[in-house]
Amino acid sequence: MTAKFDRRRFIAAGTTVLAMPFVARGASAQGAWPSRQIRMICSYPAGGQTDLLARAYGEFISKQVGKTVVVENKPGASGAIGTAEVARAEPDGHTILCSISTTYIMNRVVMKNPGYDMDKDLALVSVIPGAGLLLVANPKTGVKTLEDFVAFARKSGKVNFGTYSAGSAPHMTINELNKQYGLNIEPVHYRGEAPMWTGMLEGTLDAAMGSYTAAQSVLQSDRGTVFAVHSKKVDAIPNVKTLPEQGATSKFFTVSGFSGWAVPKATPQPVVDRLAELCVAANSDPKVKEVLATFVLEPAIGFKETNELYQRELPIWIESAKSLGLEPA
């Protein structure tokens, strides 16, 4: 699947999403929601996947409720800086967080004090289930399947495998493969996907793992071969099997991760429900569909489905993360 999306043009439209005169439904303890401008805090930098989702969904919400939605980027500390600000905000539905599963789940394991307690301070509203992450091998390895990769790793004795951060899904994948197959895969941590894939382009890595969209620079230049997908198939490469389909047995290979929205915990349920309805309704918006297609993502799901997904995946993420043996910083 390919989709053209001009990120710079979308960002250049401004951090403020213009409102249209529609009547909002739902009410808070202070009266009809929303009663003023809405802040949507994105806890990751401008121009990335999370930011573009915030802007596209934020624009749709603005049109429906008749109030301006301002997207503010508050990156840093794996999303903890922006998340902590939302956790401290007035719980009236006028401050919304857009972040990812690393922030919602992993920070409690890798940080001593992230500045918020996900379960006490925040409520998930709606999420977009993650796409399957690609496992990509350097062509010099000759790897085309997981079986090939295991054989290569055993023969080599050591494999340099790129991740986009310590404690990330690729890091945990390496750990789980090492445990199951008795391998010595060495994680090489980068500060984000872009420099990791640059490492693949330069030939310094034996393998790496990341998103379909970000991996295109490597795949289109024939500097990498996709030999597996983490948890679910990617429509654009349907012939590539998932890790479980190729014999990997860890429960971690059944989770997908997610991006999505949260509000302060005490936000009235009618407001939470209305926000969730708006996120789901936005799936049919042309600009939202364009962003989802660009990143090969599924549509946003409702409040009930969101929290079922969170409760189902949470213990698996935590168990796998703790097995990394990372000391909280």
Protein backbone atom coordinates (compact mmCIF):
# COMPACT_ATOMS: atom_id res chain seq x y z
CA MET A 1 0.00 0.00 0.00
CA THR A 2 1.25 3.49 -0.82
CA ALA A 3 -0.33 6.75 0.12
CA LYS A 4 0.90 10.24 -0.59
CA PHE A 5 0.56 12.61 2.32
CA ASP A 6 2.21 16.02 2.52
CA ARG A 7 3.17 16.28 6.19
CA ARG A 8 4.67 19.75 5.85
CA ARG A 9 1.55 21.08 4.16
CA PHE A 10 -0.65 19.66 6.92
CA ILE A 11 1.54 21.05 9.71
CA ALA A 12 1.85 24.39 7.94
CA ALA A 13 -1.89 24.76 8.24
CA GLY A 14 -1.08 25.68 11.84
CA THR A 15 -1.42 24.19 15.28
CA THR A 16 -4.91 25.68 15.52
CA VAL A 17 -7.71 23.68 13.97
CA LEU A 18 -10.52 25.98 12.85
CA ALA A 19 -13.96 25.41 14.22
CA MET A 20 -17.16 25.04 12.24
CA PRO A 21 -20.63 25.88 13.56
CA PHE A 22 -21.96 22.52 14.68
CA VAL A 23 -23.80 21.85 17.93
CA ALA A 24 -22.02 19.69 20.50
CA ARG A 25 -23.69 16.89 22.42
CA GLY A 26 -22.87 15.69 25.93
CA ALA A 27 -22.58 17.68 29.14
CA SER A 28 -20.08 18.10 31.93
CA ALA A 29 -20.57 19.16 35.50
CA GLN A 30 -19.93 22.75 34.36
CA GLY A 31 -22.57 22.68 31.60
CA ALA A 32 -22.60 21.84 27.91
CA TRP A 33 -19.36 20.44 26.51
CA PRO A 34 -17.34 21.98 25.04
CA SER A 35 -17.80 25.47 26.40
CA ARG A 36 -14.45 26.84 25.16
CA GLN A 37 -11.35 26.04 23.13
CA ILE A 38 -10.02 22.47 23.42
CA ARG A 39 -6.31 21.74 23.93
CA MET A 40 -5.08 18.49 22.44
CA ILE A 41 -1.61 17.83 23.80
CA CYS A 42 0.50 15.54 21.63
CA SER A 43 3.31 14.05 23.71
CA TYR A 44 5.56 13.47 20.69
CA PRO A 45 7.23 15.87 18.21
CA ALA A 46 5.55 17.60 15.29
CA GLY A 47 5.64 15.78 11.97
CA GLY A 48 5.52 12.22 13.28
CA GLN A 49 2.72 9.68 13.22
CA THR A 50 1.21 10.66 16.60
CA ASP A 51 1.25 14.36 15.73
CA LEU A 52 -0.44 13.87 12.36
CA LEU A 53 -3.13 11.70 13.93
CA ALA A 54 -3.75 14.39 16.55
CA ARG A 55 -4.13 17.06 13.86
CA ALA A 56 -6.40 15.06 11.56
CA TYR A 57 -8.73 13.83 14.31
CA GLY A 58 -8.56 17.20 16.05
CA GLU A 59 -9.72 19.00 12.91
CA PHE A 60 -12.68 16.65 12.57
CA ILE A 61 -13.66 17.08 16.23
CA SER A 62 -13.46 20.85 15.87
CA LYS A 63 -15.84 20.83 12.92
CA GLN A 64 -18.35 18.72 14.81
CA VAL A 65 -18.41 20.56 18.15
CA GLY A 66 -18.02 24.15 16.94
CA LYS A 67 -14.99 24.97 19.06
CA THR A 68 -11.36 25.45 18.15
CA VAL A 69 -9.02 22.51 18.82
CA VAL A 70 -5.42 23.57 19.36
CA VAL A 71 -2.77 20.85 18.98
CA GLU A 72 0.22 21.46 21.25
CA ASN A 73 3.36 19.34 20.98
CA LYS A 74 4.90 18.61 24.38
CA PRO A 75 7.50 15.92 23.59
CA GLY A 76 10.14 14.43 25.86
CA ALA A 77 10.80 11.55 28.26
CA SER A 78 8.98 8.97 26.10
CA GLY A 79 5.84 11.07 26.18
CA ALA A 80 5.86 11.57 29.95
CA ILE A 81 6.17 15.38 29.87
CA GLY A 82 2.99 16.00 27.90
CA THR A 83 1.15 13.19 29.64
CA ALA A 84 1.90 14.57 33.11
CA GLU A 85 0.52 17.95 32.04
CA VAL A 86 -2.76 16.40 30.94
CA ALA A 87 -2.96 14.35 34.15
CA ARG A 88 -2.83 17.63 36.14
CA ALA A 89 -5.39 19.42 33.98
CA GLU A 90 -8.95 20.26 34.95
CA PRO A 91 -11.07 17.12 34.27
CA ASP A 92 -13.67 18.84 32.13
CA GLY A 93 -12.92 17.52 28.64
CA HIS A 94 -11.10 20.62 27.45
CA THR A 95 -7.62 19.08 27.72
CA ILE A 96 -7.02 15.87 25.78
CA LEU A 97 -3.88 13.77 25.39
CA CYS A 98 -2.79 12.09 22.16
CA SER A 99 -0.03 9.54 22.77
CA ILE A 100 1.01 5.91 22.27
CA SER A 101 1.14 2.63 24.20
CA THR A 102 4.75 3.23 25.25
CA THR A 103 3.53 6.24 27.23
CA TYR A 104 0.37 4.59 28.51
CA ILE A 105 2.01 1.29 29.51
CA MET A 106 5.79 1.11 29.32
CA ASN A 107 6.75 4.23 31.26
CA ARG A 108 5.53 2.70 34.51
CA VAL A 109 8.22 0.03 34.10
CA VAL A 110 11.16 2.02 32.77
CA MET A 111 10.68 5.22 34.82
CA LYS A 112 10.83 5.60 38.59
CA ASN A 113 8.58 8.65 38.48
CA PRO A 114 7.02 9.49 35.12
CA GLY A 115 4.97 12.24 36.77
CA TYR A 116 1.64 10.48 36.44
CA ASP A 117 -0.10 7.23 37.35
CA MET A 118 -1.89 5.95 34.27
CA ASP A 119 -4.54 4.06 36.20
CA LYS A 120 -5.23 6.78 38.79
CA ASP A 121 -4.74 9.96 36.79
CA LEU A 122 -5.95 9.23 33.24
CA ALA A 123 -8.81 7.57 31.38
CA LEU A 124 -8.42 6.15 27.89
CA VAL A 125 -11.04 7.42 25.46
CA SER A 126 -10.34 5.84 22.06
CA VAL A 127 -7.33 4.20 20.44
CA ILE A 128 -6.08 3.16 17.03
CA PRO A 129 -4.71 -0.40 17.19
CA GLY A 130 -1.13 -0.55 15.98
CA ALA A 131 -0.06 -1.91 12.65
CA GLY A 132 2.21 -4.92 12.47
CA LEU A 133 5.86 -3.91 12.87
CA LEU A 134 8.29 -5.26 10.29
CA LEU A 135 11.38 -7.34 11.05
CA VAL A 136 13.89 -6.48 8.34
CA ALA A 137 17.21 -8.22 7.66
CA ASN A 138 20.29 -6.93 5.88
CA PRO A 139 20.41 -8.69 2.46
CA LYS A 140 23.97 -9.88 3.20
CA THR A 141 22.51 -12.22 5.83
CA GLY A 142 20.48 -14.13 3.25
CA VAL A 143 17.54 -14.15 5.69
CA LYS A 144 14.04 -14.42 4.22
CA THR A 145 12.11 -16.14 7.05
CA LEU A 146 12.25 -16.42 10.83
CA GLU A 147 13.78 -19.89 10.44
CA ASP A 148 16.54 -18.35 8.30
CA PHE A 149 17.11 -15.63 10.89
CA VAL A 150 17.42 -18.10 13.77
CA ALA A 151 19.89 -20.18 11.76
CA PHE A 152 21.89 -17.05 10.86
CA ALA A 153 21.97 -15.91 14.49
CA ARG A 154 23.16 -19.31 15.71
CA LYS A 155 25.87 -19.49 13.09
CA SER A 156 27.02 -15.92 13.66
CA GLY A 157 26.97 -16.15 17.44
CA LYS A 158 25.98 -12.49 17.69
CA VAL A 159 23.54 -10.34 15.75
CA ASN A 160 23.33 -6.53 15.83
CA PHE A 161 19.61 -5.73 15.84
CA GLY A 162 18.39 -2.12 15.69
CA THR A 163 15.64 -0.76 17.94
CA TYR A 164 14.22 2.76 18.12
CA SER A 165 14.66 2.96 21.92
CA ALA A 166 15.41 0.91 25.00
CA GLY A 167 12.25 -0.74 26.30
CA SER A 168 10.53 -0.48 22.91
CA ALA A 169 8.59 -3.24 21.14
CA PRO A 170 11.69 -4.18 19.07
CA HIS A 171 13.76 -4.44 22.27
CA MET A 172 11.20 -6.77 23.83
CA THR A 173 10.96 -8.77 20.60
CA ILE A 174 14.73 -9.36 20.69
CA ASN A 175 14.48 -10.48 24.30
CA GLU A 176 11.65 -12.92 23.57
CA LEU A 177 13.45 -14.41 20.54
CA ASN A 178 16.63 -14.83 22.58
CA LYS A 179 14.68 -16.69 25.27
CA GLN A 180 12.81 -19.02 22.92
CA TYR A 181 15.67 -19.90 20.60
CA GLY A 182 18.70 -19.53 22.88
CA LEU A 183 20.18 -16.76 20.74
CA ASN A 184 22.54 -13.87 21.42
CA ILE A 185 20.84 -11.05 19.54
CA GLU A 186 22.35 -7.74 20.65
CA PRO A 187 20.00 -4.72 20.72
CA VAL A 188 21.44 -1.54 19.26
CA HIS A 189 19.33 1.34 20.56
CA TYR A 190 18.74 4.50 18.53
CA ARG A 191 16.84 7.68 19.35
CA GLY A 192 13.95 7.06 17.02
CA GLU A 193 13.18 5.14 13.84
CA ALA A 194 14.82 7.52 11.37
CA PRO A 195 18.39 7.06 12.67
CA MET A 196 17.79 3.32 13.10
CA TRP A 197 16.83 2.87 9.46
CA THR A 198 19.82 5.01 8.50
CA GLY A 199 21.92 2.41 10.29
CA MET A 200 20.35 -0.24 8.08
CA LEU A 201 21.01 1.84 4.97
CA GLU A 202 24.65 2.18 5.97
CA GLY A 203 24.93 -1.58 6.47
CA THR A 204 25.93 -1.39 10.14
CA LEU A 205 23.02 -3.52 11.33
CA ASP A 206 22.20 -7.16 10.65
CA ALA A 207 18.50 -6.50 11.26
CA ALA A 208 16.04 -3.94 12.59
CA MET A 209 12.36 -3.65 13.44
CA GLY A 210 9.91 -0.80 12.91
CA SER A 211 6.92 0.55 11.06
CA TYR A 212 6.07 -0.13 7.44
CA THR A 213 6.06 3.55 6.48
CA ALA A 214 9.37 4.45 8.11
CA ALA A 215 11.05 1.36 6.64
CA GLN A 216 10.35 2.38 3.05
CA SER A 217 13.73 4.07 2.60
CA VAL A 218 15.40 0.73 3.29
CA LEU A 219 12.98 -1.48 1.39
CA GLN A 220 12.79 0.66 -1.73
CA SER A 221 16.58 0.81 -1.99
CA ASP A 222 16.84 -3.00 -1.60
CA ARG A 223 18.90 -2.57 1.57
CA GLY A 224 16.59 -4.75 3.60
CA THR A 225 14.39 -7.86 3.36
CA VAL A 226 11.22 -8.22 5.44
CA PHE A 227 11.31 -11.69 6.98
CA ALA A 228 8.47 -11.42 9.53
CA VAL A 229 5.81 -9.14 10.96
CA HIS A 230 5.48 -8.75 14.72
CA SER A 231 1.85 -9.49 15.55
CA LYS A 232 -0.49 -8.93 12.63
CA LYS A 233 -0.23 -9.00 8.87
CA VAL A 234 0.33 -5.79 6.91
CA ASP A 235 -2.03 -5.42 3.96
CA ALA A 236 0.69 -3.96 1.75
CA ILE A 237 2.83 -7.13 2.15
CA PRO A 238 0.27 -9.92 2.71
CA ASN A 239 2.69 -12.73 1.86
CA VAL A 240 4.96 -11.98 4.83
CA LYS A 241 3.94 -14.15 7.79
CA THR A 242 3.71 -13.02 11.39
CA LEU A 243 6.10 -14.26 14.07
CA PRO A 244 3.43 -16.57 15.57
CA GLU A 245 2.68 -17.99 12.11
CA GLN A 246 6.38 -18.85 11.84
CA GLY A 247 6.58 -20.59 15.20
CA ALA A 248 7.39 -17.83 17.72
CA THR A 249 5.41 -18.56 20.87
CA SER A 250 5.75 -15.55 23.20
CA LYS A 251 2.48 -13.91 24.26
CA PHE A 252 4.13 -10.61 23.42
CA PHE A 253 3.78 -11.48 19.76
CA THR A 254 -0.02 -11.27 20.13
CA VAL A 255 -0.11 -7.59 21.19
CA SER A 256 -0.31 -4.75 18.71
CA GLY A 257 0.28 -1.59 20.69
CA PHE A 258 -1.78 1.48 19.90
CA SER A 259 -2.03 5.25 19.50
CA GLY A 260 -4.88 7.21 20.96
CA TRP A 261 -6.52 9.67 23.30
CA ALA A 262 -6.89 10.03 27.06
CA VAL A 263 -8.33 12.62 29.44
CA PRO A 264 -7.92 13.34 33.17
CA LYS A 265 -9.48 10.54 35.20
CA ALA A 266 -12.37 12.51 36.73
CA THR A 267 -13.67 13.76 33.38
CA PRO A 268 -17.47 13.17 33.32
CA GLN A 269 -18.40 9.96 31.53
CA PRO A 270 -20.83 11.67 29.10
CA VAL A 271 -17.93 13.82 27.87
CA VAL A 272 -15.66 10.77 27.55
CA ASP A 273 -18.36 8.92 25.63
CA ARG A 274 -18.91 11.86 23.28
CA LEU A 275 -15.19 12.17 22.59
CA ALA A 276 -15.01 8.47 21.82
CA GLU A 277 -17.97 8.77 19.47
CA LEU A 278 -16.26 11.64 17.67
CA CYS A 279 -13.01 9.69 17.26
CA VAL A 280 -14.89 6.75 15.73
CA ALA A 281 -16.93 9.06 13.49
CA ALA A 282 -13.71 10.70 12.28
CA ASN A 283 -12.64 7.43 10.65
CA SER A 284 -14.80 8.30 7.65
CA ASP A 285 -13.27 11.76 7.18
CA PRO A 286 -11.12 11.98 4.02
CA LYS A 287 -8.14 13.61 5.75
CA VAL A 288 -8.24 11.08 8.60
CA LYS A 289 -8.46 8.22 6.11
CA GLU A 290 -5.45 9.64 4.27
CA VAL A 291 -3.33 9.70 7.45
CA LEU A 292 -4.43 6.18 8.43
CA ALA A 293 -3.54 4.91 4.95
CA THR A 294 -0.15 6.64 5.07
CA PHE A 295 0.81 4.78 8.23
CA VAL A 296 -1.10 1.56 7.39
CA LEU A 297 -3.22 1.91 10.52
CA GLU A 298 -6.64 0.59 11.48
CA PRO A 299 -9.48 3.00 12.34
CA ALA A 300 -10.05 4.29 15.87
CA ILE A 301 -12.23 2.10 18.10
CA GLY A 302 -14.83 3.01 20.72
CA PHE A 303 -14.52 3.50 24.48
CA LYS A 304 -15.57 -0.04 25.47
CA GLU A 305 -13.37 -1.73 22.86
CA THR A 306 -10.47 0.55 23.77
CA ASN A 307 -10.49 -0.35 27.43
CA GLU A 308 -10.96 -4.05 26.70
CA LEU A 309 -7.86 -3.90 24.47
CA TYR A 310 -5.91 -2.05 27.16
CA GLN A 311 -6.82 -4.52 29.91
CA ARG A 312 -6.05 -7.47 27.63
CA GLU A 313 -2.63 -6.25 26.49
CA LEU A 314 -1.47 -4.50 29.69
CA PRO A 315 -0.29 -7.58 31.64
CA ILE A 316 1.48 -9.00 28.57
CA TRP A 317 3.41 -5.75 27.99
CA ILE A 318 4.31 -5.48 31.68
CA GLU A 319 5.49 -9.10 31.98
CA SER A 320 7.64 -8.83 28.87
CA ALA A 321 9.03 -5.43 29.87
CA LYS A 322 10.01 -6.60 33.33
CA SER A 323 11.87 -9.55 31.84
CA LEU A 324 14.22 -7.08 30.13
CA GLY A 325 15.76 -6.40 33.52
CA LEU A 326 15.90 -2.65 32.93
CA GLU A 327 16.56 -0.46 35.96
CA PRO A 328 13.95 2.30 36.13
CA ALA A 329 15.55 5.69 35.54
